[in-house]
Amino acid sequence: MCVCERFRRDINEDIRERSLCNWIYESDFDEARKPACIQRVVRCINTIHHETINECETVRMRYPIRRRSGSTWLDDWMELPVACTLTRPPIHHVPFTSNASLPYLIH
């Protein structure tokens, strides 16, 4: 068992359980990093049981960490998946270039 397992339950657990896009955590332990134990999202789960056009997407954040390099610790950043959220599908806009490309609009 990973040393991080004891930190699995936290104050955000209630939010995760009530979310329309639930998620599954994975423990990441690295003794050459501070903090050594990190929880990261590995999968989003859409809990809406009917047809919907909405999607579950991962929310990512950058966190400051420290990495051991020999006998010293270096400042670094780590981008982590931290949660999931329900989103609308992206809207793709078609660029309008000229009237010539749309002859049916010109009378």
C-alpha atoms as a PDB file:
ATOM      1  CA  MET A   1       0.000   0.000   0.000  1.00  0.00           C
ATOM      2  CA  CYS A   2       1.249   3.459  -0.883  1.00  0.00           C
ATOM      3  CA  VAL A   3       2.148   5.689   2.051  1.00  0.00           C
ATOM      4  CA  CYS A   4      -0.310   8.239   0.614  1.00  0.00           C
ATOM      5  CA  GLU A   5      -3.358   5.998   1.171  1.00  0.00           C
ATOM      6  CA  ARG A   6      -3.912   7.352   4.676  1.00  0.00           C
ATOM      7  CA  PHE A   7      -4.421  10.849   3.154  1.00  0.00           C
ATOM      8  CA  ARG A   8      -7.065   9.670   0.662  1.00  0.00           C
ATOM      9  CA  ARG A   9     -10.090  11.003   2.576  1.00  0.00           C
ATOM     10  CA  ASP A  10     -10.185  14.803   2.758  1.00  0.00           C
ATOM     11  CA  ILE A  11     -12.630  17.703   2.954  1.00  0.00           C
ATOM     12  CA  ASN A  12     -13.188  17.657  -0.826  1.00  0.00           C
ATOM     13  CA  GLU A  13     -14.418  14.051  -0.759  1.00  0.00           C
ATOM     14  CA  ASP A  14     -18.000  15.272  -0.248  1.00  0.00           C
ATOM     15  CA  ILE A  15     -17.752  17.483  -3.351  1.00  0.00           C
ATOM     16  CA  ARG A  16     -16.388  14.581  -5.395  1.00  0.00           C
ATOM     17  CA  GLU A  17     -19.230  12.285  -4.324  1.00  0.00           C
ATOM     18  CA  ARG A  18     -21.950  14.866  -5.115  1.00  0.00           C
ATOM     19  CA  SER A  19     -20.472  15.984  -8.432  1.00  0.00           C
ATOM     20  CA  LEU A  20     -22.211  15.248 -11.745  1.00  0.00           C
ATOM     21  CA  CYS A  21     -18.733  14.366 -12.986  1.00  0.00           C
ATOM     22  CA  ASN A  22     -17.262  12.187 -10.294  1.00  0.00           C
ATOM     23  CA  TRP A  23     -13.574  11.277 -10.423  1.00  0.00           C
ATOM     24  CA  ILE A  24     -11.153   8.609  -9.273  1.00  0.00           C
ATOM     25  CA  TYR A  25      -7.917   9.531  -7.478  1.00  0.00           C
ATOM     26  CA  GLU A  26      -4.559   7.811  -7.654  1.00  0.00           C
ATOM     27  CA  SER A  27      -1.853   8.187  -5.040  1.00  0.00           C
ATOM     28  CA  ASP A  28       1.544   9.347  -6.246  1.00  0.00           C
ATOM     29  CA  PHE A  29       4.430   8.919  -3.802  1.00  0.00           C
ATOM     30  CA  ASP A  30       7.920  10.232  -4.495  1.00  0.00           C
ATOM     31  CA  GLU A  31      10.310  10.640  -1.570  1.00  0.00           C
ATOM     32  CA  ALA A  32      12.526  12.928  -3.689  1.00  0.00           C
ATOM     33  CA  ARG A  33       9.668  15.461  -3.892  1.00  0.00           C
ATOM     34  CA  LYS A  34       7.998  17.747  -1.361  1.00  0.00           C
ATOM     35  CA  PRO A  35       5.171  17.094  -0.820  1.00  0.00           C
ATOM     36  CA  ALA A  36       5.977  13.405  -1.165  1.00  0.00           C
ATOM     37  CA  CYS A  37       2.300  12.341  -1.314  1.00  0.00           C
ATOM     38  CA  ILE A  38       0.092  13.765  -4.053  1.00  0.00           C
ATOM     39  CA  GLN A  39      -3.424  12.748  -5.056  1.00  0.00           C
ATOM     40  CA  ARG A  40      -4.118  13.066  -8.779  1.00  0.00           C
ATOM     41  CA  VAL A  41      -7.254  12.417 -10.797  1.00  0.00           C
ATOM     42  CA  VAL A  42      -6.873   9.440 -13.124  1.00  0.00           C
ATOM     43  CA  ARG A  43     -10.405   9.198 -14.534  1.00  0.00           C
ATOM     44  CA  CYS A  44     -13.600  11.255 -14.784  1.00  0.00           C
ATOM     45  CA  ILE A  45     -16.959   9.493 -14.458  1.00  0.00           C
ATOM     46  CA  ASN A  46     -20.140  10.991 -15.909  1.00  0.00           C
ATOM     47  CA  THR A  47     -22.836  10.190 -13.337  1.00  0.00           C
ATOM     48  CA  ILE A  48     -25.742  11.491 -15.437  1.00  0.00           C
ATOM     49  CA  HIS A  49     -27.564   8.360 -16.579  1.00  0.00           C
ATOM     50  CA  HIS A  50     -29.467   9.843 -19.527  1.00  0.00           C
ATOM     51  CA  GLU A  51     -28.444  11.214 -22.890  1.00  0.00           C
ATOM     52  CA  THR A  52     -26.694  14.551 -22.639  1.00  0.00           C
ATOM     53  CA  ILE A  53     -24.446  16.576 -24.883  1.00  0.00           C
ATOM     54  CA  ASN A  54     -22.371  17.691 -21.916  1.00  0.00           C
ATOM     55  CA  GLU A  55     -18.950  16.207 -21.237  1.00  0.00           C
ATOM     56  CA  CYS A  56     -16.800  15.513 -18.201  1.00  0.00           C
ATOM     57  CA  GLU A  57     -13.452  17.267 -18.376  1.00  0.00           C
ATOM     58  CA  THR A  58     -10.436  17.264 -16.101  1.00  0.00           C
ATOM     59  CA  VAL A  59      -9.561  20.399 -14.135  1.00  0.00           C
ATOM     60  CA  ARG A  60      -5.794  20.938 -13.926  1.00  0.00           C
ATOM     61  CA  MET A  61      -3.760  23.190 -11.635  1.00  0.00           C
ATOM     62  CA  ARG A  62      -0.081  24.071 -11.283  1.00  0.00           C
ATOM     63  CA  TYR A  63       1.390  23.471  -7.830  1.00  0.00           C
ATOM     64  CA  PRO A  64       4.739  24.520  -6.417  1.00  0.00           C
ATOM     65  CA  ILE A  65       6.868  21.567  -5.351  1.00  0.00           C
ATOM     66  CA  ARG A  66      10.463  20.956  -4.322  1.00  0.00           C
ATOM     67  CA  ARG A  67      12.643  18.257  -5.896  1.00  0.00           C
ATOM     68  CA  ARG A  68      15.734  16.768  -4.327  1.00  0.00           C
ATOM     69  CA  SER A  69      18.870  17.138  -6.394  1.00  0.00           C
ATOM     70  CA  GLY A  70      21.756  15.526  -4.548  1.00  0.00           C
ATOM     71  CA  SER A  71      21.847  17.161  -1.123  1.00  0.00           C
ATOM     72  CA  THR A  72      19.797  20.246  -2.069  1.00  0.00           C
ATOM     73  CA  TRP A  73      16.148  20.925  -2.839  1.00  0.00           C
ATOM     74  CA  LEU A  74      15.168  22.802  -6.004  1.00  0.00           C
ATOM     75  CA  ASP A  75      11.945  24.761  -6.518  1.00  0.00           C
ATOM     76  CA  ASP A  76       9.765  23.436  -9.341  1.00  0.00           C
ATOM     77  CA  TRP A  77       6.170  23.386 -10.572  1.00  0.00           C
ATOM     78  CA  MET A  78       3.953  20.385 -11.276  1.00  0.00           C
ATOM     79  CA  GLU A  79       0.716  20.433 -13.273  1.00  0.00           C
ATOM     80  CA  LEU A  80      -1.808  18.070 -11.688  1.00  0.00           C
ATOM     81  CA  PRO A  81      -5.312  16.905 -12.569  1.00  0.00           C
ATOM     82  CA  VAL A  82      -7.268  17.819  -9.416  1.00  0.00           C
ATOM     83  CA  ALA A  83     -10.980  17.351 -10.223  1.00  0.00           C
ATOM     84  CA  CYS A  84     -13.551  16.923 -12.981  1.00  0.00           C
ATOM     85  CA  THR A  85     -16.345  19.217 -14.100  1.00  0.00           C
ATOM     86  CA  LEU A  86     -19.356  18.979 -16.384  1.00  0.00           C
ATOM     87  CA  THR A  87     -18.933  21.189 -19.457  1.00  0.00           C
ATOM     88  CA  ARG A  88     -20.804  22.021 -22.624  1.00  0.00           C
ATOM     89  CA  PRO A  89     -19.240  20.835 -25.872  1.00  0.00           C
ATOM     90  CA  PRO A  90     -16.879  23.368 -27.436  1.00  0.00           C
ATOM     91  CA  ILE A  91     -18.366  25.744 -29.995  1.00  0.00           C
ATOM     92  CA  HIS A  92     -16.469  25.838 -33.261  1.00  0.00           C
ATOM     93  CA  HIS A  93     -16.816  29.048 -35.271  1.00  0.00           C
ATOM     94  CA  VAL A  94     -16.422  28.930 -39.021  1.00  0.00           C
ATOM     95  CA  PRO A  95     -14.580  32.008 -40.239  1.00  0.00           C
ATOM     96  CA  PHE A  96     -16.507  34.102 -42.747  1.00  0.00           C
ATOM     97  CA  THR A  97     -14.133  35.065 -45.546  1.00  0.00           C
ATOM     98  CA  SER A  98     -16.234  36.672 -48.295  1.00  0.00           C
ATOM     99  CA  ASN A  99     -19.680  36.845 -49.864  1.00  0.00           C
ATOM    100  CA  ALA A 100     -18.395  34.850 -52.823  1.00  0.00           C
ATOM    101  CA  SER A 101     -18.181  31.741 -50.664  1.00  0.00           C
ATOM    102  CA  LEU A 102     -21.893  32.021 -49.775  1.00  0.00           C
ATOM    103  CA  PRO A 103     -23.731  32.639 -53.066  1.00  0.00           C
ATOM    104  CA  TYR A 104     -27.122  31.580 -51.672  1.00  0.00           C
ATOM    105  CA  LEU A 105     -27.151  34.591 -49.309  1.00  0.00           C
ATOM    106  CA  ILE A 106     -26.768  37.119 -52.131  1.00  0.00           C
ATOM    107  CA  HIS A 107     -29.968  37.998 -54.005  1.00  0.00           C
END
